């Protein structure tokens, strides 16, 4: 489970970097310059603004699903670790299930 979370975390990090790049590539809607130059000119053609906008929407959706998925997986992993810790803690104390040890009474 730990390897799966690590791999998904790495993919999530790459998704975040790509999302930042896509957001920076978008041209400014106003009269500002944007990151690639003038607002009236597009670096990749006229229809790429629509493609970049759609790709950004898809990446945001993947970001949201990925963050919820990672949070759920990490929560489940922590619950499993707590259960394992409680099992080993009970065994180390020498407690046997169903058997109560009472102290000897003095006469």
C-alpha atoms as a PDB file:
ATOM      1  CA  UNK A   1       0.000   0.000   0.000  1.00  0.00           C
ATOM      2  CA  UNK A   2       2.899   2.340   0.745  1.00  0.00           C
ATOM      3  CA  UNK A   3       4.404   1.892  -2.717  1.00  0.00           C
ATOM      4  CA  UNK A   4       1.057   2.651  -4.357  1.00  0.00           C
ATOM      5  CA  UNK A   5       0.654   5.856  -2.349  1.00  0.00           C
ATOM      6  CA  UNK A   6       4.211   6.886  -3.241  1.00  0.00           C
ATOM      7  CA  UNK A   7       3.632   6.338  -6.965  1.00  0.00           C
ATOM      8  CA  UNK A   8       0.335   8.208  -6.917  1.00  0.00           C
ATOM      9  CA  UNK A   9       1.964  11.044  -4.952  1.00  0.00           C
ATOM     10  CA  UNK A  10       4.686  11.365  -7.592  1.00  0.00           C
ATOM     11  CA  UNK A  11       2.076  11.431 -10.367  1.00  0.00           C
ATOM     12  CA  UNK A  12       0.108  14.013  -8.362  1.00  0.00           C
ATOM     13  CA  UNK A  13       3.216  16.181  -8.069  1.00  0.00           C
ATOM     14  CA  UNK A  14       3.728  16.025 -11.841  1.00  0.00           C
ATOM     15  CA  UNK A  15       0.069  16.921 -12.328  1.00  0.00           C
ATOM     16  CA  UNK A  16       0.531  19.981 -10.107  1.00  0.00           C
ATOM     17  CA  UNK A  17       3.569  21.155 -12.075  1.00  0.00           C
ATOM     18  CA  UNK A  18       1.753  20.683 -15.395  1.00  0.00           C
ATOM     19  CA  UNK A  19      -1.280  22.528 -14.049  1.00  0.00           C
ATOM     20  CA  UNK A  20       0.865  25.499 -13.042  1.00  0.00           C
ATOM     21  CA  UNK A  21       2.473  25.539 -16.498  1.00  0.00           C
ATOM     22  CA  UNK A  22      -0.919  25.377 -18.236  1.00  0.00           C
ATOM     23  CA  UNK A  23      -2.262  28.224 -16.144  1.00  0.00           C
ATOM     24  CA  UNK A  24       0.791  30.348 -16.919  1.00  0.00           C
ATOM     25  CA  UNK A  25       0.465  29.620 -20.653  1.00  0.00           C
ATOM     26  CA  UNK A  26      -3.019  31.069 -20.826  1.00  0.00           C
ATOM     27  CA  UNK A  27      -3.227  34.538 -22.245  1.00  0.00           C
ATOM     28  CA  UNK A  28      -4.646  37.354 -20.205  1.00  0.00           C
ATOM     29  CA  UNK A  29      -8.270  38.204 -21.018  1.00  0.00           C
ATOM     30  CA  UNK A  30      -7.736  41.896 -20.402  1.00  0.00           C
ATOM     31  CA  UNK A  31      -5.226  44.276 -21.913  1.00  0.00           C
ATOM     32  CA  UNK A  32      -2.332  42.840 -19.912  1.00  0.00           C
ATOM     33  CA  UNK A  33       0.614  41.121 -21.481  1.00  0.00           C
ATOM     34  CA  UNK A  34       0.260  37.538 -20.257  1.00  0.00           C
ATOM     35  CA  UNK A  35       3.303  35.301 -20.007  1.00  0.00           C
ATOM     36  CA  UNK A  36       3.940  34.852 -23.734  1.00  0.00           C
ATOM     37  CA  UNK A  37       3.499  38.368 -25.034  1.00  0.00           C
ATOM     38  CA  UNK A  38       0.652  40.538 -26.295  1.00  0.00           C
ATOM     39  CA  UNK A  39      -2.928  39.651 -25.569  1.00  0.00           C
ATOM     40  CA  UNK A  40      -4.048  39.855 -29.184  1.00  0.00           C
ATOM     41  CA  UNK A  41      -1.467  37.387 -30.466  1.00  0.00           C
ATOM     42  CA  UNK A  42      -1.413  33.733 -29.592  1.00  0.00           C
ATOM     43  CA  UNK A  43       1.861  31.834 -29.516  1.00  0.00           C
ATOM     44  CA  UNK A  44       0.415  28.614 -30.953  1.00  0.00           C
ATOM     45  CA  UNK A  45      -2.432  29.841 -33.137  1.00  0.00           C
ATOM     46  CA  UNK A  46      -5.952  31.126 -32.620  1.00  0.00           C
ATOM     47  CA  UNK A  47      -7.688  27.909 -31.606  1.00  0.00           C
ATOM     48  CA  UNK A  48      -5.134  26.860 -29.011  1.00  0.00           C
ATOM     49  CA  UNK A  49      -6.643  29.116 -26.389  1.00  0.00           C
ATOM     50  CA  UNK A  50      -9.737  26.924 -26.393  1.00  0.00           C
ATOM     51  CA  UNK A  51      -7.611  23.762 -26.194  1.00  0.00           C
ATOM     52  CA  UNK A  52      -5.537  25.131 -23.326  1.00  0.00           C
ATOM     53  CA  UNK A  53      -8.692  26.222 -21.487  1.00  0.00           C
ATOM     54  CA  UNK A  54     -10.244  22.767 -21.865  1.00  0.00           C
ATOM     55  CA  UNK A  55      -7.002  21.055 -20.857  1.00  0.00           C
ATOM     56  CA  UNK A  56      -6.823  23.271 -17.775  1.00  0.00           C
ATOM     57  CA  UNK A  57     -10.374  22.269 -16.813  1.00  0.00           C
ATOM     58  CA  UNK A  58      -9.523  18.586 -17.187  1.00  0.00           C
ATOM     59  CA  UNK A  59      -6.335  19.005 -15.150  1.00  0.00           C
ATOM     60  CA  UNK A  60      -8.259  20.800 -12.386  1.00  0.00           C
ATOM     61  CA  UNK A  61     -10.738  17.923 -12.290  1.00  0.00           C
ATOM     62  CA  UNK A  62      -7.884  15.402 -12.055  1.00  0.00           C
ATOM     63  CA  UNK A  63      -6.306  17.521  -9.317  1.00  0.00           C
ATOM     64  CA  UNK A  64      -9.489  17.461  -7.249  1.00  0.00           C
ATOM     65  CA  UNK A  65     -10.040  13.720  -7.711  1.00  0.00           C
ATOM     66  CA  UNK A  66      -6.364  13.016  -7.003  1.00  0.00           C
ATOM     67  CA  UNK A  67      -6.287  15.052  -3.818  1.00  0.00           C
ATOM     68  CA  UNK A  68      -9.428  13.371  -2.478  1.00  0.00           C
ATOM     69  CA  UNK A  69      -8.105   9.939  -3.458  1.00  0.00           C
ATOM     70  CA  UNK A  70      -4.741  10.512  -1.792  1.00  0.00           C
ATOM     71  CA  UNK A  71      -6.407  11.806   1.374  1.00  0.00           C
ATOM     72  CA  UNK A  72      -8.656   8.739   1.525  1.00  0.00           C
ATOM     73  CA  UNK A  73      -5.811   6.314   0.896  1.00  0.00           C
ATOM     74  CA  UNK A  74      -3.607   7.953   3.518  1.00  0.00           C
ATOM     75  CA  UNK A  75      -6.458   7.901   6.040  1.00  0.00           C
ATOM     76  CA  UNK A  76      -7.002   4.178   5.438  1.00  0.00           C
ATOM     77  CA  UNK A  77      -3.279   3.532   5.791  1.00  0.00           C
ATOM     78  CA  UNK A  78      -3.174   5.371   9.115  1.00  0.00           C
ATOM     79  CA  UNK A  79      -6.161   3.371  10.394  1.00  0.00           C
ATOM     80  CA  UNK A  80      -4.420   0.118   9.457  1.00  0.00           C
ATOM     81  CA  UNK A  81      -1.231   1.236  11.209  1.00  0.00           C
ATOM     82  CA  UNK A  82      -3.176   2.103  14.363  1.00  0.00           C
ATOM     83  CA  UNK A  83      -4.819  -1.339  14.388  1.00  0.00           C
ATOM     84  CA  UNK A  84      -1.452  -3.062  13.915  1.00  0.00           C
ATOM     85  CA  UNK A  85       0.077  -0.991  16.693  1.00  0.00           C
ATOM     86  CA  UNK A  86      -2.734  -1.856  19.081  1.00  0.00           C
ATOM     87  CA  UNK A  87      -2.391  -5.577  18.232  1.00  0.00           C
ATOM     88  CA  UNK A  88       1.335  -5.640  18.911  1.00  0.00           C
ATOM     89  CA  UNK A  89       0.939  -3.528  22.038  1.00  0.00           C
ATOM     90  CA  UNK A  90      -1.571  -5.997  23.490  1.00  0.00           C
ATOM     91  CA  UNK A  91       0.698  -8.958  22.727  1.00  0.00           C
ATOM     92  CA  UNK A  92       3.735  -7.332  24.308  1.00  0.00           C
ATOM     93  CA  UNK A  93       1.910  -6.886  27.617  1.00  0.00           C
ATOM     94  CA  UNK A  94       1.161 -10.596  27.822  1.00  0.00           C
ATOM     95  CA  UNK A  95      -2.568 -10.206  27.920  1.00  0.00           C
ATOM     96  CA  UNK A  96      -4.509 -13.234  26.762  1.00  0.00           C
ATOM     97  CA  UNK A  97      -7.964 -12.697  25.394  1.00  0.00           C
ATOM     98  CA  UNK A  98     -10.715 -14.008  27.648  1.00  0.00           C
ATOM     99  CA  UNK A  99      -8.448 -14.612  30.624  1.00  0.00           C
ATOM    100  CA  UNK A 100      -8.541 -12.058  33.421  1.00  0.00           C
ATOM    101  CA  UNK A 101      -5.634 -12.095  35.794  1.00  0.00           C
ATOM    102  CA  UNK A 102      -6.642 -11.032  39.266  1.00  0.00           C
ATOM    103  CA  UNK A 103      -4.100 -10.262  41.944  1.00  0.00           C
ATOM    104  CA  UNK A 104      -3.818 -12.793  44.716  1.00  0.00           C
ATOM    105  CA  UNK A 105      -5.752 -11.858  47.822  1.00  0.00           C
ATOM    106  CA  UNK A 106      -3.969 -11.685  51.156  1.00  0.00           C
ATOM    107  CA  UNK A 107      -5.341 -13.770  54.032  1.00  0.00           C
END
